[in-house]
Amino acid sequence: MVNVKIQHDCKDELNGVELRATPARIALMHLLETTDRPVDVQTMISFLEKKGIQADPATVFRIVNMFTEKGLTKQIQLQEGKSRYELAAQNDHHHLVCTKCGDIQDISDCNIEVLEKEISLKKKFRVTSHSLEFFGICNDCQKKTS
């Protein structure tokens, strides 16, 4: 299956949530739209530097916090002592995290909806969000240790 990302005008998306479309914000939206894994702030800073856009770490933190507050991104914690971010509009998915090399892969074929329904029925608990990450050793790292 081919994963096709639909491109659109980031300015419209930013304006739609009442954020000014600055060069740094547009560039970070583009980065988040074109990457296939959650991105940390240091990666965002490096990306902006490569694009010739000046933004100190505090500015980048403010931008991603605004994106998250406005519902454009969601924050991901992968037990590594830092936050990562990805677009909130992505299809529901979870992550496979290699504890050797740090590779992160999306996994979308979990039947989490079934579990949420069971929780609702059995526990009378309405799930409003969830986070699920799997930690282990990726195929490449397994081959290196064999």
N, C-alpha and C. Protein backbone atom coordinates (compact mmCIF):
# COMPACT_ATOMS: atom_id res chain seq x y z
N MET A 1 0.84 -1.18 0.00
CA MET A 1 0.00 0.00 0.00
C MET A 1 0.89 1.24 0.00
N VAL A 2 0.60 2.19 -0.84
CA VAL A 2 1.36 3.42 -0.96
C VAL A 2 0.73 4.47 -0.06
N ASN A 3 1.56 5.14 0.73
CA ASN A 3 1.08 6.18 1.62
C ASN A 3 1.25 7.52 0.92
N VAL A 4 0.17 8.10 0.44
CA VAL A 4 0.22 9.35 -0.30
C VAL A 4 -0.17 10.49 0.64
N LYS A 5 0.69 11.49 0.70
CA LYS A 5 0.40 12.67 1.52
C LYS A 5 -0.14 13.76 0.62
N ILE A 6 -1.28 14.30 0.97
CA ILE A 6 -1.91 15.34 0.17
C ILE A 6 -1.34 16.69 0.60
N GLN A 7 -0.79 17.40 -0.36
CA GLN A 7 -0.23 18.71 -0.09
C GLN A 7 -1.32 19.78 -0.19
N HIS A 8 -1.21 20.78 0.62
CA HIS A 8 -2.13 21.89 0.59
C HIS A 8 -1.37 23.14 1.03
N ASP A 9 -2.05 24.23 1.06
CA ASP A 9 -1.42 25.49 1.44
C ASP A 9 -1.41 25.62 2.96
N CYS A 10 -0.23 25.56 3.54
CA CYS A 10 -0.10 25.65 4.99
C CYS A 10 -0.59 27.00 5.53
N LYS A 11 -0.48 28.03 4.71
CA LYS A 11 -0.95 29.35 5.13
C LYS A 11 -2.44 29.31 5.44
N ASP A 12 -3.20 28.64 4.58
CA ASP A 12 -4.65 28.53 4.81
C ASP A 12 -4.94 27.79 6.11
N GLU A 13 -4.19 26.73 6.35
CA GLU A 13 -4.41 25.95 7.57
C GLU A 13 -4.09 26.78 8.81
N LEU A 14 -2.99 27.52 8.77
CA LEU A 14 -2.63 28.38 9.90
C LEU A 14 -3.66 29.49 10.10
N ASN A 15 -4.05 30.12 9.01
CA ASN A 15 -5.06 31.18 9.11
C ASN A 15 -6.38 30.63 9.61
N GLY A 16 -6.68 29.39 9.27
CA GLY A 16 -7.92 28.76 9.70
C GLY A 16 -8.02 28.58 11.21
N VAL A 17 -6.88 28.53 11.89
CA VAL A 17 -6.89 28.44 13.36
C VAL A 17 -6.39 29.74 13.99
N GLU A 18 -6.45 30.80 13.20
CA GLU A 18 -6.12 32.15 13.65
C GLU A 18 -4.66 32.29 14.10
N LEU A 19 -3.76 31.67 13.34
CA LEU A 19 -2.33 31.86 13.55
C LEU A 19 -1.75 32.54 12.33
N ARG A 20 -0.89 33.53 12.58
CA ARG A 20 -0.23 34.22 11.48
C ARG A 20 0.72 33.26 10.79
N ALA A 21 0.76 33.31 9.48
CA ALA A 21 1.58 32.40 8.68
C ALA A 21 2.99 32.96 8.51
N THR A 22 3.81 32.79 9.55
CA THR A 22 5.20 33.25 9.49
C THR A 22 6.04 32.20 8.74
N PRO A 23 7.21 32.59 8.25
CA PRO A 23 8.06 31.60 7.56
C PRO A 23 8.38 30.37 8.42
N ALA A 24 8.66 30.58 9.71
CA ALA A 24 8.98 29.45 10.60
C ALA A 24 7.77 28.53 10.76
N ARG A 25 6.60 29.08 10.96
CA ARG A 25 5.39 28.26 11.12
C ARG A 25 5.07 27.49 9.85
N ILE A 26 5.18 28.16 8.72
CA ILE A 26 4.90 27.48 7.44
C ILE A 26 5.89 26.34 7.23
N ALA A 27 7.16 26.60 7.50
CA ALA A 27 8.19 25.58 7.30
C ALA A 27 7.97 24.39 8.24
N LEU A 28 7.60 24.66 9.49
CA LEU A 28 7.38 23.55 10.42
C LEU A 28 6.13 22.74 10.06
N MET A 29 5.10 23.41 9.57
CA MET A 29 3.92 22.66 9.09
C MET A 29 4.32 21.77 7.92
N HIS A 30 5.13 22.30 7.02
CA HIS A 30 5.59 21.51 5.88
C HIS A 30 6.41 20.29 6.35
N LEU A 31 7.30 20.51 7.31
CA LEU A 31 8.09 19.40 7.87
C LEU A 31 7.17 18.33 8.44
N LEU A 32 6.20 18.73 9.25
CA LEU A 32 5.30 17.77 9.88
C LEU A 32 4.43 17.03 8.86
N GLU A 33 4.10 17.70 7.77
CA GLU A 33 3.29 17.06 6.73
C GLU A 33 4.08 16.07 5.89
N THR A 34 5.39 16.25 5.81
CA THR A 34 6.17 15.42 4.90
C THR A 34 7.01 14.37 5.60
N THR A 35 6.99 14.32 6.92
CA THR A 35 7.76 13.32 7.64
C THR A 35 6.85 12.14 8.00
N ASP A 36 7.46 10.99 8.16
CA ASP A 36 6.66 9.80 8.48
C ASP A 36 6.86 9.34 9.92
N ARG A 37 7.40 10.22 10.76
CA ARG A 37 7.56 9.88 12.17
C ARG A 37 7.45 11.13 13.03
N PRO A 38 7.13 10.98 14.30
CA PRO A 38 7.06 12.15 15.18
C PRO A 38 8.42 12.86 15.26
N VAL A 39 8.40 14.19 15.32
CA VAL A 39 9.60 15.00 15.24
C VAL A 39 9.83 15.73 16.56
N ASP A 40 11.09 15.75 17.03
CA ASP A 40 11.41 16.49 18.24
C ASP A 40 11.81 17.93 17.90
N VAL A 41 11.91 18.76 18.92
CA VAL A 41 12.20 20.18 18.72
C VAL A 41 13.58 20.38 18.10
N GLN A 42 14.58 19.60 18.50
CA GLN A 42 15.92 19.76 17.93
C GLN A 42 15.91 19.50 16.42
N THR A 43 15.14 18.50 15.99
CA THR A 43 15.02 18.22 14.56
C THR A 43 14.36 19.40 13.85
N MET A 44 13.37 20.01 14.50
CA MET A 44 12.70 21.18 13.92
C MET A 44 13.67 22.35 13.78
N ILE A 45 14.48 22.56 14.81
CA ILE A 45 15.47 23.66 14.77
C ILE A 45 16.46 23.42 13.64
N SER A 46 16.96 22.21 13.51
CA SER A 46 17.91 21.88 12.44
C SER A 46 17.27 22.08 11.07
N PHE A 47 16.01 21.68 10.93
CA PHE A 47 15.29 21.85 9.68
C PHE A 47 15.19 23.33 9.31
N LEU A 48 14.83 24.16 10.29
CA LEU A 48 14.72 25.60 10.03
C LEU A 48 16.07 26.19 9.65
N GLU A 49 17.13 25.77 10.33
CA GLU A 49 18.48 26.27 10.00
C GLU A 49 18.85 25.94 8.56
N LYS A 50 18.54 24.70 8.13
CA LYS A 50 18.85 24.30 6.76
C LYS A 50 18.06 25.12 5.75
N LYS A 51 16.89 25.58 6.15
CA LYS A 51 16.05 26.42 5.28
C LYS A 51 16.45 27.90 5.37
N GLY A 52 17.40 28.22 6.24
CA GLY A 52 17.83 29.61 6.40
C GLY A 52 16.85 30.46 7.20
N ILE A 53 16.07 29.80 8.03
CA ILE A 53 15.08 30.51 8.86
C ILE A 53 15.61 30.57 10.29
N GLN A 54 15.74 31.78 10.81
CA GLN A 54 16.23 31.98 12.17
C GLN A 54 15.11 31.75 13.18
N ALA A 55 15.34 30.85 14.12
CA ALA A 55 14.38 30.62 15.20
C ALA A 55 15.13 29.95 16.35
N ASP A 56 15.12 30.59 17.50
CA ASP A 56 15.80 29.99 18.65
C ASP A 56 14.92 28.89 19.25
N PRO A 57 15.48 28.06 20.12
CA PRO A 57 14.70 26.96 20.69
C PRO A 57 13.41 27.41 21.37
N ALA A 58 13.44 28.53 22.09
CA ALA A 58 12.23 29.01 22.77
C ALA A 58 11.12 29.32 21.77
N THR A 59 11.50 29.90 20.64
CA THR A 59 10.51 30.21 19.59
C THR A 59 9.90 28.93 19.03
N VAL A 60 10.74 27.94 18.78
CA VAL A 60 10.23 26.68 18.23
C VAL A 60 9.29 26.01 19.24
N PHE A 61 9.67 26.02 20.53
CA PHE A 61 8.78 25.47 21.55
C PHE A 61 7.44 26.21 21.57
N ARG A 62 7.49 27.53 21.47
CA ARG A 62 6.24 28.31 21.44
C ARG A 62 5.39 27.94 20.24
N ILE A 63 6.03 27.77 19.09
CA ILE A 63 5.29 27.43 17.87
C ILE A 63 4.60 26.08 18.03
N VAL A 64 5.33 25.05 18.46
CA VAL A 64 4.69 23.72 18.56
C VAL A 64 3.65 23.70 19.67
N ASN A 65 3.86 24.47 20.73
CA ASN A 65 2.83 24.55 21.77
C ASN A 65 1.56 25.21 21.24
N MET A 66 1.72 26.26 20.42
CA MET A 66 0.56 26.90 19.79
C MET A 66 -0.13 25.93 18.83
N PHE A 67 0.67 25.22 18.03
CA PHE A 67 0.09 24.22 17.11
C PHE A 67 -0.73 23.19 17.89
N THR A 68 -0.20 22.75 19.02
CA THR A 68 -0.90 21.75 19.83
C THR A 68 -2.16 22.33 20.45
N GLU A 69 -2.07 23.54 20.99
CA GLU A 69 -3.25 24.21 21.57
C GLU A 69 -4.36 24.40 20.53
N LYS A 70 -3.97 24.68 19.30
CA LYS A 70 -4.95 24.92 18.22
C LYS A 70 -5.41 23.62 17.56
N GLY A 71 -4.87 22.49 18.00
CA GLY A 71 -5.32 21.21 17.47
C GLY A 71 -4.65 20.79 16.17
N LEU A 72 -3.57 21.46 15.79
CA LEU A 72 -2.87 21.09 14.56
C LEU A 72 -1.92 19.92 14.78
N THR A 73 -1.32 19.86 15.98
CA THR A 73 -0.38 18.79 16.28
C THR A 73 -0.77 18.11 17.58
N LYS A 74 -0.18 16.96 17.79
CA LYS A 74 -0.32 16.31 19.10
C LYS A 74 1.07 15.95 19.58
N GLN A 75 1.20 15.98 20.89
CA GLN A 75 2.48 15.69 21.53
C GLN A 75 2.57 14.19 21.81
N ILE A 76 3.74 13.62 21.54
CA ILE A 76 3.98 12.20 21.74
C ILE A 76 5.14 12.04 22.72
N GLN A 77 4.98 11.18 23.70
CA GLN A 77 6.05 10.85 24.64
C GLN A 77 6.49 9.41 24.38
N LEU A 78 7.77 9.21 24.08
CA LEU A 78 8.27 7.87 23.77
C LEU A 78 9.33 7.41 24.76
N GLN A 79 9.16 7.77 26.02
CA GLN A 79 10.07 7.35 27.10
C GLN A 79 11.53 7.67 26.80
N GLU A 80 11.77 8.83 26.22
CA GLU A 80 13.16 9.22 25.92
C GLU A 80 13.52 10.56 26.52
N GLY A 81 12.66 11.09 27.38
CA GLY A 81 12.96 12.33 28.07
C GLY A 81 12.72 13.59 27.26
N LYS A 82 12.05 13.47 26.12
CA LYS A 82 11.72 14.64 25.32
C LYS A 82 10.38 14.39 24.63
N SER A 83 9.79 15.47 24.19
CA SER A 83 8.52 15.37 23.47
C SER A 83 8.78 15.34 21.98
N ARG A 84 7.92 14.66 21.30
CA ARG A 84 7.90 14.66 19.84
C ARG A 84 6.52 15.12 19.42
N TYR A 85 6.41 15.55 18.17
CA TYR A 85 5.15 16.09 17.67
C TYR A 85 4.83 15.50 16.31
N GLU A 86 3.54 15.33 16.06
CA GLU A 86 3.07 14.92 14.74
C GLU A 86 1.73 15.58 14.49
N LEU A 87 1.31 15.58 13.24
CA LEU A 87 0.04 16.20 12.88
C LEU A 87 -1.11 15.48 13.56
N ALA A 88 -2.03 16.23 14.12
CA ALA A 88 -3.18 15.65 14.80
C ALA A 88 -4.16 15.05 13.81
N ALA A 89 -4.15 15.53 12.57
CA ALA A 89 -5.13 15.09 11.58
C ALA A 89 -4.78 13.73 10.96
N GLN A 90 -3.64 13.16 11.32
CA GLN A 90 -3.27 11.87 10.76
C GLN A 90 -4.25 10.80 11.23
N ASN A 91 -4.40 9.76 10.42
CA ASN A 91 -5.23 8.64 10.84
C ASN A 91 -4.70 8.09 12.15
N ASP A 92 -5.60 7.56 12.96
CA ASP A 92 -5.22 6.99 14.24
C ASP A 92 -4.18 5.91 14.03
N HIS A 93 -3.06 6.04 14.71
CA HIS A 93 -1.99 5.06 14.60
C HIS A 93 -1.19 5.05 15.88
N HIS A 94 -0.30 4.09 15.96
CA HIS A 94 0.55 3.94 17.13
C HIS A 94 1.98 3.80 16.65
N HIS A 95 2.90 3.59 17.56
CA HIS A 95 4.31 3.61 17.18
C HIS A 95 5.05 2.38 17.66
N LEU A 96 5.99 1.93 16.83
CA LEU A 96 6.96 0.91 17.18
C LEU A 96 8.28 1.64 17.38
N VAL A 97 8.90 1.49 18.54
CA VAL A 97 10.13 2.21 18.85
C VAL A 97 11.24 1.21 19.12
N CYS A 98 12.31 1.29 18.34
CA CYS A 98 13.46 0.41 18.55
C CYS A 98 14.30 0.97 19.69
N THR A 99 14.52 0.15 20.70
CA THR A 99 15.29 0.59 21.86
C THR A 99 16.80 0.56 21.61
N LYS A 100 17.22 0.01 20.49
CA LYS A 100 18.66 -0.01 20.15
C LYS A 100 19.05 1.21 19.31
N CYS A 101 18.37 1.41 18.17
CA CYS A 101 18.77 2.48 17.25
C CYS A 101 17.85 3.71 17.32
N GLY A 102 16.72 3.60 18.00
CA GLY A 102 15.80 4.72 18.13
C GLY A 102 14.85 4.91 16.97
N ASP A 103 14.88 3.99 16.00
CA ASP A 103 13.96 4.10 14.85
C ASP A 103 12.52 4.06 15.34
N ILE A 104 11.68 4.85 14.70
CA ILE A 104 10.26 4.90 15.05
C ILE A 104 9.46 4.61 13.79
N GLN A 105 8.54 3.67 13.90
CA GLN A 105 7.68 3.32 12.78
C GLN A 105 6.23 3.44 13.23
N ASP A 106 5.38 3.87 12.30
CA ASP A 106 3.95 3.91 12.56
C ASP A 106 3.35 2.53 12.37
N ILE A 107 2.36 2.22 13.17
CA ILE A 107 1.57 1.01 12.98
C ILE A 107 0.11 1.42 13.10
N SER A 108 -0.66 1.13 12.07
CA SER A 108 -2.04 1.61 12.05
C SER A 108 -3.07 0.49 12.08
N ASP A 109 -2.62 -0.75 12.06
CA ASP A 109 -3.59 -1.83 11.99
C ASP A 109 -3.87 -2.48 13.34
N CYS A 110 -3.95 -1.65 14.38
CA CYS A 110 -4.36 -2.14 15.70
C CYS A 110 -5.88 -2.05 15.80
N ASN A 111 -6.46 -2.97 16.49
CA ASN A 111 -7.91 -2.93 16.70
C ASN A 111 -8.24 -2.25 18.02
N ILE A 112 -7.71 -1.07 18.22
CA ILE A 112 -7.89 -0.36 19.48
C ILE A 112 -9.35 0.05 19.69
N GLU A 113 -10.09 0.26 18.59
CA GLU A 113 -11.50 0.65 18.72
C GLU A 113 -12.30 -0.43 19.43
N VAL A 114 -11.97 -1.68 19.16
CA VAL A 114 -12.66 -2.80 19.82
C VAL A 114 -12.39 -2.76 21.32
N LEU A 115 -11.15 -2.53 21.69
CA LEU A 115 -10.79 -2.43 23.11
C LEU A 115 -11.50 -1.25 23.77
N GLU A 116 -11.56 -0.11 23.08
CA GLU A 116 -12.25 1.05 23.65
C GLU A 116 -13.73 0.75 23.88
N LYS A 117 -14.38 0.05 22.96
CA LYS A 117 -15.78 -0.32 23.13
C LYS A 117 -15.96 -1.25 24.32
N GLU A 118 -15.04 -2.22 24.47
CA GLU A 118 -15.10 -3.13 25.61
C GLU A 118 -14.96 -2.37 26.92
N ILE A 119 -14.02 -1.44 26.96
CA ILE A 119 -13.82 -0.62 28.16
C ILE A 119 -15.09 0.15 28.47
N SER A 120 -15.71 0.72 27.46
CA SER A 120 -16.94 1.48 27.64
C SER A 120 -18.05 0.60 28.22
N LEU A 121 -18.22 -0.58 27.65
CA LEU A 121 -19.28 -1.48 28.09
C LEU A 121 -19.00 -2.07 29.47
N LYS A 122 -17.81 -2.58 29.68
CA LYS A 122 -17.49 -3.27 30.93
C LYS A 122 -17.25 -2.34 32.11
N LYS A 123 -16.60 -1.22 31.84
CA LYS A 123 -16.20 -0.32 32.92
C LYS A 123 -17.03 0.96 33.00
N LYS A 124 -17.94 1.14 32.03
CA LYS A 124 -18.74 2.37 31.97
C LYS A 124 -17.82 3.60 31.97
N PHE A 125 -16.77 3.52 31.17
CA PHE A 125 -15.75 4.56 31.07
C PHE A 125 -15.67 5.02 29.63
N ARG A 126 -15.83 6.33 29.42
CA ARG A 126 -15.76 6.87 28.07
C ARG A 126 -14.33 7.30 27.77
N VAL A 127 -13.69 6.60 26.86
CA VAL A 127 -12.32 6.93 26.46
C VAL A 127 -12.37 8.14 25.54
N THR A 128 -11.60 9.16 25.88
CA THR A 128 -11.56 10.36 25.03
C THR A 128 -10.28 10.44 24.22
N SER A 129 -9.24 9.75 24.65
CA SER A 129 -8.01 9.66 23.88
C SER A 129 -7.19 8.50 24.44
N HIS A 130 -6.17 8.12 23.69
CA HIS A 130 -5.29 7.06 24.16
C HIS A 130 -3.91 7.23 23.52
N SER A 131 -2.95 6.53 24.09
CA SER A 131 -1.60 6.53 23.57
C SER A 131 -1.08 5.11 23.70
N LEU A 132 -0.52 4.60 22.62
CA LEU A 132 -0.03 3.23 22.64
C LEU A 132 1.26 3.14 21.83
N GLU A 133 2.33 2.77 22.50
CA GLU A 133 3.60 2.60 21.85
C GLU A 133 4.15 1.22 22.21
N PHE A 134 4.83 0.61 21.25
CA PHE A 134 5.46 -0.68 21.46
C PHE A 134 6.97 -0.48 21.41
N PHE A 135 7.69 -1.01 22.39
CA PHE A 135 9.13 -0.86 22.46
C PHE A 135 9.77 -2.23 22.27
N GLY A 136 10.83 -2.27 21.47
CA GLY A 136 11.50 -3.53 21.20
C GLY A 136 12.69 -3.31 20.28
N ILE A 137 13.04 -4.35 19.53
CA ILE A 137 14.22 -4.32 18.66
C ILE A 137 13.75 -4.45 17.21
N CYS A 138 14.12 -3.49 16.36
CA CYS A 138 13.72 -3.52 14.95
C CYS A 138 14.44 -4.65 14.21
N ASN A 139 13.96 -4.95 13.03
CA ASN A 139 14.52 -6.02 12.22
C ASN A 139 16.00 -5.81 11.90
N ASP A 140 16.37 -4.57 11.54
CA ASP A 140 17.78 -4.29 11.22
C ASP A 140 18.69 -4.55 12.41
N CYS A 141 18.28 -4.11 13.59
CA CYS A 141 19.10 -4.31 14.80
C CYS A 141 19.15 -5.80 15.18
N GLN A 142 18.07 -6.52 14.94
CA GLN A 142 18.08 -7.96 15.21
C GLN A 142 19.09 -8.67 14.32
N LYS A 143 19.17 -8.24 13.05
CA LYS A 143 20.12 -8.85 12.12
C LYS A 143 21.56 -8.58 12.54
N LYS A 144 21.82 -7.39 13.09
CA LYS A 144 23.18 -7.01 13.51
C LYS A 144 23.65 -7.83 14.70
N THR A 145 22.72 -8.27 15.55
CA THR A 145 23.10 -9.01 16.76
C THR A 145 23.09 -10.51 16.54
N SER A 146 22.65 -10.97 15.37
CA SER A 146 22.59 -12.42 15.14
C SER A 146 23.93 -12.96 14.74
